[in-house]
Amino acid sequence: MEMIVHNPAEGVYAATDDYVHAIEVRSPSRFLFVAGTMGLDCGAVPAATLEGQLELIWGNLRAILAEAGMSTDNIVRLTSYLRDPSYAGANAAARVAALGGRRVPTTAIVAQTLADDWLVEIEVVAAA
């Protein structure tokens, strides 16, 4: 499988240093669509802080990806649902760290989560 970044320098606003406009995935043999994942521990209890929830989310995503024989290197698309716009910076930093600096197409949306103590929810698409 080959992944090619498409980040035009003209005709569209510039992407920032933490995402790209598009990734072309050539010859994948499979895709994994991961449901929105929250910062809950194994007992379904959310971490008390935003940073704690982001840490749990990325741990949960790694576990889900591993079950499918994948890793964060296979993520080709990511959507974050933030309870508050002030969470954007911490969310971006956690994403960049979790992906080892690899940039993928990403969208952050401010939304009301199903439970008040769920601060962030992240869904991804992975390809192999």
N, C-alpha and C. Protein backbone atom coordinates (compact mmCIF):
# COMPACT_ATOMS: atom_id res chain seq x y z
N MET A 1 0.84 -1.17 0.00
CA MET A 1 0.00 0.00 0.00
C MET A 1 0.89 1.24 0.00
N GLU A 2 0.48 2.20 -0.77
CA GLU A 2 1.23 3.45 -0.87
C GLU A 2 0.33 4.60 -0.44
N MET A 3 0.87 5.53 0.35
CA MET A 3 0.13 6.71 0.77
C MET A 3 0.85 7.94 0.24
N ILE A 4 0.11 8.75 -0.51
CA ILE A 4 0.68 9.95 -1.12
C ILE A 4 -0.06 11.17 -0.59
N VAL A 5 0.68 12.10 -0.01
CA VAL A 5 0.11 13.33 0.52
C VAL A 5 -0.17 14.28 -0.63
N HIS A 6 -1.34 14.90 -0.60
CA HIS A 6 -1.71 15.94 -1.56
C HIS A 6 -2.01 17.20 -0.74
N ASN A 7 -1.12 18.17 -0.86
CA ASN A 7 -1.21 19.41 -0.10
C ASN A 7 -0.90 20.56 -1.05
N PRO A 8 -1.85 20.97 -1.90
CA PRO A 8 -1.57 21.99 -2.90
C PRO A 8 -1.02 23.28 -2.30
N ALA A 9 -0.06 23.86 -2.98
CA ALA A 9 0.52 25.12 -2.55
C ALA A 9 -0.27 26.31 -3.09
N GLU A 10 -1.10 26.06 -4.09
CA GLU A 10 -1.90 27.14 -4.70
C GLU A 10 -3.34 26.69 -4.87
N GLY A 11 -4.25 27.66 -4.88
CA GLY A 11 -5.64 27.38 -5.16
C GLY A 11 -6.47 26.99 -3.95
N VAL A 12 -5.83 26.86 -2.79
CA VAL A 12 -6.52 26.51 -1.56
C VAL A 12 -5.70 27.08 -0.39
N TYR A 13 -6.34 27.34 0.71
CA TYR A 13 -5.61 27.87 1.87
C TYR A 13 -4.57 26.84 2.32
N ALA A 14 -3.51 27.32 2.92
CA ALA A 14 -2.41 26.45 3.35
C ALA A 14 -2.83 25.61 4.55
N ALA A 15 -2.44 24.36 4.53
CA ALA A 15 -2.63 23.50 5.70
C ALA A 15 -1.61 23.91 6.76
N THR A 16 -1.97 23.76 8.02
CA THR A 16 -1.02 24.05 9.09
C THR A 16 -0.08 22.86 9.26
N ASP A 17 0.86 22.98 10.16
CA ASP A 17 1.88 21.93 10.28
C ASP A 17 1.42 20.68 11.01
N ASP A 18 0.13 20.59 11.37
CA ASP A 18 -0.34 19.40 12.08
C ASP A 18 -1.34 18.55 11.28
N TYR A 19 -1.60 18.91 10.01
CA TYR A 19 -2.49 18.10 9.18
C TYR A 19 -2.18 18.35 7.71
N VAL A 20 -2.74 17.52 6.84
CA VAL A 20 -2.64 17.71 5.39
C VAL A 20 -4.05 17.76 4.82
N HIS A 21 -4.16 18.33 3.62
CA HIS A 21 -5.48 18.40 2.98
C HIS A 21 -5.98 17.03 2.56
N ALA A 22 -5.09 16.16 2.07
CA ALA A 22 -5.55 14.87 1.57
C ALA A 22 -4.42 13.84 1.56
N ILE A 23 -4.81 12.58 1.66
CA ILE A 23 -3.89 11.47 1.47
C ILE A 23 -4.54 10.52 0.47
N GLU A 24 -3.81 10.21 -0.57
CA GLU A 24 -4.24 9.22 -1.54
C GLU A 24 -3.70 7.86 -1.09
N VAL A 25 -4.58 6.88 -0.98
CA VAL A 25 -4.18 5.54 -0.57
C VAL A 25 -4.27 4.65 -1.81
N ARG A 26 -3.12 4.17 -2.25
CA ARG A 26 -3.07 3.32 -3.44
C ARG A 26 -2.92 1.86 -3.05
N SER A 27 -3.75 1.05 -3.64
CA SER A 27 -3.72 -0.41 -3.48
C SER A 27 -3.85 -0.89 -2.04
N PRO A 28 -4.80 -0.36 -1.28
CA PRO A 28 -5.01 -0.94 0.04
C PRO A 28 -5.72 -2.28 -0.11
N SER A 29 -5.45 -3.20 0.79
CA SER A 29 -6.16 -4.47 0.73
C SER A 29 -7.35 -4.46 1.68
N ARG A 30 -7.35 -3.51 2.64
CA ARG A 30 -8.49 -3.43 3.56
C ARG A 30 -8.54 -2.07 4.23
N PHE A 31 -9.73 -1.72 4.69
CA PHE A 31 -9.98 -0.51 5.44
C PHE A 31 -10.58 -0.88 6.79
N LEU A 32 -10.30 -0.08 7.81
CA LEU A 32 -10.89 -0.24 9.13
C LEU A 32 -11.54 1.09 9.50
N PHE A 33 -12.84 1.06 9.75
CA PHE A 33 -13.58 2.25 10.15
C PHE A 33 -13.85 2.13 11.65
N VAL A 34 -13.25 3.02 12.42
CA VAL A 34 -13.33 2.94 13.88
C VAL A 34 -14.37 3.95 14.38
N ALA A 35 -15.29 3.46 15.18
CA ALA A 35 -16.32 4.31 15.77
C ALA A 35 -15.69 5.38 16.66
N GLY A 36 -16.44 6.40 16.94
CA GLY A 36 -15.97 7.42 17.87
C GLY A 36 -15.52 6.77 19.16
N THR A 37 -14.30 7.10 19.58
CA THR A 37 -13.68 6.48 20.75
C THR A 37 -13.48 7.55 21.82
N MET A 38 -13.92 7.25 23.03
CA MET A 38 -13.85 8.20 24.12
C MET A 38 -12.67 7.90 25.05
N GLY A 39 -12.41 8.83 25.93
CA GLY A 39 -11.34 8.69 26.93
C GLY A 39 -11.85 7.97 28.17
N LEU A 40 -12.30 6.73 27.95
CA LEU A 40 -12.82 5.91 29.03
C LEU A 40 -11.84 4.80 29.36
N ASP A 41 -11.74 4.45 30.64
CA ASP A 41 -10.89 3.32 31.02
C ASP A 41 -11.64 2.01 30.78
N CYS A 42 -11.04 0.90 31.14
CA CYS A 42 -11.65 -0.41 30.89
C CYS A 42 -12.97 -0.60 31.63
N GLY A 43 -13.21 0.19 32.66
CA GLY A 43 -14.47 0.15 33.39
C GLY A 43 -15.48 1.15 32.86
N ALA A 44 -15.18 1.77 31.73
CA ALA A 44 -16.03 2.77 31.08
C ALA A 44 -16.15 4.05 31.90
N VAL A 45 -15.11 4.36 32.67
CA VAL A 45 -15.07 5.58 33.47
C VAL A 45 -14.16 6.58 32.77
N PRO A 46 -14.65 7.80 32.52
CA PRO A 46 -13.81 8.79 31.86
C PRO A 46 -12.73 9.34 32.79
N ALA A 47 -11.60 9.67 32.21
CA ALA A 47 -10.56 10.36 32.98
C ALA A 47 -11.10 11.72 33.39
N ALA A 48 -10.60 12.26 34.48
CA ALA A 48 -11.11 13.51 35.03
C ALA A 48 -10.65 14.74 34.26
N THR A 49 -9.54 14.62 33.52
CA THR A 49 -8.98 15.78 32.82
C THR A 49 -8.98 15.55 31.31
N LEU A 50 -8.86 16.64 30.58
CA LEU A 50 -8.76 16.55 29.13
C LEU A 50 -7.54 15.75 28.73
N GLU A 51 -6.40 16.03 29.34
CA GLU A 51 -5.17 15.31 29.01
C GLU A 51 -5.31 13.82 29.31
N GLY A 52 -5.94 13.49 30.43
CA GLY A 52 -6.18 12.08 30.76
C GLY A 52 -7.08 11.40 29.76
N GLN A 53 -8.12 12.10 29.30
CA GLN A 53 -9.01 11.51 28.31
C GLN A 53 -8.30 11.32 26.97
N LEU A 54 -7.47 12.28 26.59
CA LEU A 54 -6.73 12.12 25.34
C LEU A 54 -5.76 10.95 25.42
N GLU A 55 -5.13 10.77 26.56
CA GLU A 55 -4.23 9.63 26.74
C GLU A 55 -5.00 8.31 26.63
N LEU A 56 -6.17 8.24 27.27
CA LEU A 56 -6.99 7.03 27.18
C LEU A 56 -7.49 6.79 25.76
N ILE A 57 -7.92 7.86 25.09
CA ILE A 57 -8.42 7.71 23.72
C ILE A 57 -7.35 7.07 22.84
N TRP A 58 -6.14 7.61 22.90
CA TRP A 58 -5.08 7.08 22.04
C TRP A 58 -4.68 5.67 22.43
N GLY A 59 -4.73 5.35 23.71
CA GLY A 59 -4.50 3.97 24.13
C GLY A 59 -5.60 3.05 23.63
N ASN A 60 -6.85 3.51 23.70
CA ASN A 60 -7.97 2.73 23.20
C ASN A 60 -7.87 2.52 21.69
N LEU A 61 -7.51 3.58 20.97
CA LEU A 61 -7.35 3.46 19.52
C LEU A 61 -6.24 2.48 19.16
N ARG A 62 -5.12 2.54 19.89
CA ARG A 62 -4.02 1.59 19.62
C ARG A 62 -4.49 0.16 19.84
N ALA A 63 -5.29 -0.08 20.88
CA ALA A 63 -5.80 -1.43 21.15
C ALA A 63 -6.75 -1.90 20.04
N ILE A 64 -7.62 -1.02 19.58
CA ILE A 64 -8.56 -1.36 18.51
C ILE A 64 -7.80 -1.65 17.22
N LEU A 65 -6.85 -0.78 16.88
CA LEU A 65 -6.04 -0.99 15.68
C LEU A 65 -5.25 -2.30 15.76
N ALA A 66 -4.67 -2.58 16.91
CA ALA A 66 -3.88 -3.80 17.08
C ALA A 66 -4.74 -5.04 16.87
N GLU A 67 -5.97 -5.00 17.33
CA GLU A 67 -6.90 -6.13 17.14
C GLU A 67 -7.06 -6.45 15.65
N ALA A 68 -6.94 -5.41 14.82
CA ALA A 68 -7.06 -5.58 13.37
C ALA A 68 -5.70 -5.75 12.69
N GLY A 69 -4.64 -5.91 13.49
CA GLY A 69 -3.30 -6.05 12.91
C GLY A 69 -2.77 -4.76 12.34
N MET A 70 -3.19 -3.64 12.89
CA MET A 70 -2.77 -2.33 12.42
C MET A 70 -2.18 -1.53 13.57
N SER A 71 -1.65 -0.35 13.23
CA SER A 71 -1.13 0.58 14.23
C SER A 71 -1.54 2.00 13.82
N THR A 72 -1.11 2.98 14.58
CA THR A 72 -1.43 4.36 14.23
C THR A 72 -0.82 4.75 12.88
N ASP A 73 0.18 4.01 12.42
CA ASP A 73 0.76 4.26 11.10
C ASP A 73 -0.24 4.01 9.97
N ASN A 74 -1.30 3.25 10.26
CA ASN A 74 -2.30 2.93 9.26
C ASN A 74 -3.43 3.95 9.19
N ILE A 75 -3.47 4.90 10.12
CA ILE A 75 -4.55 5.90 10.12
C ILE A 75 -4.40 6.81 8.92
N VAL A 76 -5.50 6.94 8.15
CA VAL A 76 -5.48 7.79 6.96
C VAL A 76 -6.49 8.93 7.04
N ARG A 77 -7.31 8.95 8.08
CA ARG A 77 -8.32 10.01 8.25
C ARG A 77 -8.72 10.04 9.71
N LEU A 78 -8.93 11.26 10.26
CA LEU A 78 -9.26 11.40 11.67
C LEU A 78 -10.24 12.55 11.86
N THR A 79 -11.26 12.31 12.67
CA THR A 79 -12.21 13.35 13.05
C THR A 79 -12.27 13.41 14.57
N SER A 80 -12.11 14.61 15.12
CA SER A 80 -12.22 14.83 16.56
C SER A 80 -13.49 15.61 16.85
N TYR A 81 -14.19 15.20 17.87
CA TYR A 81 -15.38 15.90 18.35
C TYR A 81 -15.02 16.46 19.73
N LEU A 82 -14.94 17.78 19.81
CA LEU A 82 -14.51 18.46 21.02
C LEU A 82 -15.71 19.08 21.71
N ARG A 83 -15.79 18.93 23.00
CA ARG A 83 -16.89 19.53 23.75
C ARG A 83 -16.74 21.05 23.85
N ASP A 84 -15.50 21.54 23.73
CA ASP A 84 -15.25 22.98 23.85
C ASP A 84 -14.13 23.36 22.88
N PRO A 85 -14.25 24.50 22.20
CA PRO A 85 -13.21 24.89 21.24
C PRO A 85 -11.84 25.09 21.89
N SER A 86 -11.80 25.36 23.17
CA SER A 86 -10.52 25.56 23.85
C SER A 86 -9.70 24.27 23.94
N TYR A 87 -10.30 23.12 23.61
CA TYR A 87 -9.60 21.84 23.65
C TYR A 87 -8.79 21.58 22.38
N ALA A 88 -8.92 22.44 21.38
CA ALA A 88 -8.29 22.19 20.08
C ALA A 88 -6.77 22.04 20.16
N GLY A 89 -6.11 22.90 20.89
CA GLY A 89 -4.65 22.84 20.97
C GLY A 89 -4.16 21.55 21.61
N ALA A 90 -4.74 21.16 22.73
CA ALA A 90 -4.34 19.92 23.41
C ALA A 90 -4.66 18.71 22.54
N ASN A 91 -5.79 18.75 21.86
CA ASN A 91 -6.17 17.65 20.98
C ASN A 91 -5.17 17.51 19.83
N ALA A 92 -4.81 18.62 19.21
CA ALA A 92 -3.84 18.59 18.11
C ALA A 92 -2.49 18.08 18.59
N ALA A 93 -2.04 18.53 19.75
CA ALA A 93 -0.75 18.08 20.28
C ALA A 93 -0.77 16.58 20.57
N ALA A 94 -1.86 16.08 21.12
CA ALA A 94 -1.97 14.64 21.39
C ALA A 94 -1.98 13.84 20.09
N ARG A 95 -2.67 14.36 19.07
CA ARG A 95 -2.71 13.68 17.77
C ARG A 95 -1.33 13.63 17.14
N VAL A 96 -0.64 14.76 17.13
CA VAL A 96 0.71 14.81 16.54
C VAL A 96 1.63 13.83 17.26
N ALA A 97 1.56 13.79 18.59
CA ALA A 97 2.40 12.87 19.36
C ALA A 97 2.04 11.42 19.07
N ALA A 98 0.74 11.12 19.03
CA ALA A 98 0.30 9.74 18.81
C ALA A 98 0.68 9.24 17.42
N LEU A 99 0.69 10.15 16.46
CA LEU A 99 1.02 9.76 15.08
C LEU A 99 2.51 9.92 14.79
N GLY A 100 3.29 10.27 15.80
CA GLY A 100 4.72 10.42 15.61
C GLY A 100 5.08 11.52 14.63
N GLY A 101 4.25 12.56 14.58
CA GLY A 101 4.51 13.67 13.67
C GLY A 101 3.96 13.47 12.27
N ARG A 102 3.48 12.27 11.97
CA ARG A 102 2.89 12.01 10.64
C ARG A 102 1.57 12.77 10.54
N ARG A 103 1.39 13.48 9.44
CA ARG A 103 0.20 14.29 9.27
C ARG A 103 -0.81 13.56 8.40
N VAL A 104 -2.08 13.63 8.81
CA VAL A 104 -3.18 13.02 8.06
C VAL A 104 -4.29 14.06 7.91
N PRO A 105 -5.21 13.84 6.97
CA PRO A 105 -6.37 14.71 6.89
C PRO A 105 -7.16 14.59 8.20
N THR A 106 -7.50 15.72 8.77
CA THR A 106 -8.20 15.72 10.05
C THR A 106 -9.21 16.85 10.10
N THR A 107 -10.25 16.62 10.86
CA THR A 107 -11.27 17.63 11.09
C THR A 107 -11.57 17.65 12.58
N ALA A 108 -11.73 18.83 13.14
CA ALA A 108 -12.16 18.97 14.53
C ALA A 108 -13.49 19.70 14.53
N ILE A 109 -14.44 19.14 15.23
CA ILE A 109 -15.79 19.68 15.31
C ILE A 109 -16.12 19.91 16.77
N VAL A 110 -16.70 21.05 17.08
CA VAL A 110 -17.17 21.30 18.43
C VAL A 110 -18.61 20.81 18.50
N ALA A 111 -18.86 19.90 19.44
CA ALA A 111 -20.17 19.26 19.54
C ALA A 111 -20.50 18.90 20.97
N GLN A 112 -21.77 18.76 21.23
CA GLN A 112 -22.18 18.26 22.53
C GLN A 112 -22.04 16.74 22.52
N THR A 113 -21.29 16.20 23.46
CA THR A 113 -21.13 14.75 23.55
C THR A 113 -22.32 14.15 24.29
N LEU A 114 -22.45 12.84 24.21
CA LEU A 114 -23.60 12.18 24.82
C LEU A 114 -23.60 12.25 26.35
N ALA A 115 -22.43 12.36 26.94
CA ALA A 115 -22.32 12.52 28.39
C ALA A 115 -21.49 13.76 28.68
N ASP A 116 -21.87 14.52 29.68
CA ASP A 116 -21.19 15.78 29.99
C ASP A 116 -19.71 15.61 30.32
N ASP A 117 -19.33 14.45 30.87
CA ASP A 117 -17.93 14.26 31.25
C ASP A 117 -17.09 13.63 30.14
N TRP A 118 -17.65 13.43 28.96
CA TRP A 118 -16.87 13.02 27.79
C TRP A 118 -16.42 14.31 27.10
N LEU A 119 -15.15 14.62 27.19
CA LEU A 119 -14.65 15.90 26.68
C LEU A 119 -14.24 15.85 25.22
N VAL A 120 -13.81 14.69 24.76
CA VAL A 120 -13.33 14.51 23.38
C VAL A 120 -13.74 13.12 22.92
N GLU A 121 -14.08 13.02 21.64
CA GLU A 121 -14.33 11.73 21.00
C GLU A 121 -13.61 11.76 19.66
N ILE A 122 -12.93 10.69 19.33
CA ILE A 122 -12.15 10.65 18.08
C ILE A 122 -12.53 9.41 17.29
N GLU A 123 -12.78 9.61 15.99
CA GLU A 123 -12.99 8.47 15.09
C GLU A 123 -11.93 8.50 14.01
N VAL A 124 -11.52 7.32 13.58
CA VAL A 124 -10.48 7.24 12.55
C VAL A 124 -10.87 6.24 11.47
N VAL A 125 -10.21 6.40 10.33
CA VAL A 125 -10.23 5.42 9.25
C VAL A 125 -8.78 4.99 9.07
N ALA A 126 -8.57 3.69 9.01
CA ALA A 126 -7.22 3.15 8.79
C ALA A 126 -7.24 2.27 7.55
N ALA A 127 -6.09 2.14 6.90
CA ALA A 127 -5.99 1.32 5.69
C ALA A 127 -4.71 0.50 5.77
N ALA A 128 -4.78 -0.68 5.19
CA ALA A 128 -3.59 -1.55 5.14
C ALA A 128 -3.53 -2.22 3.79
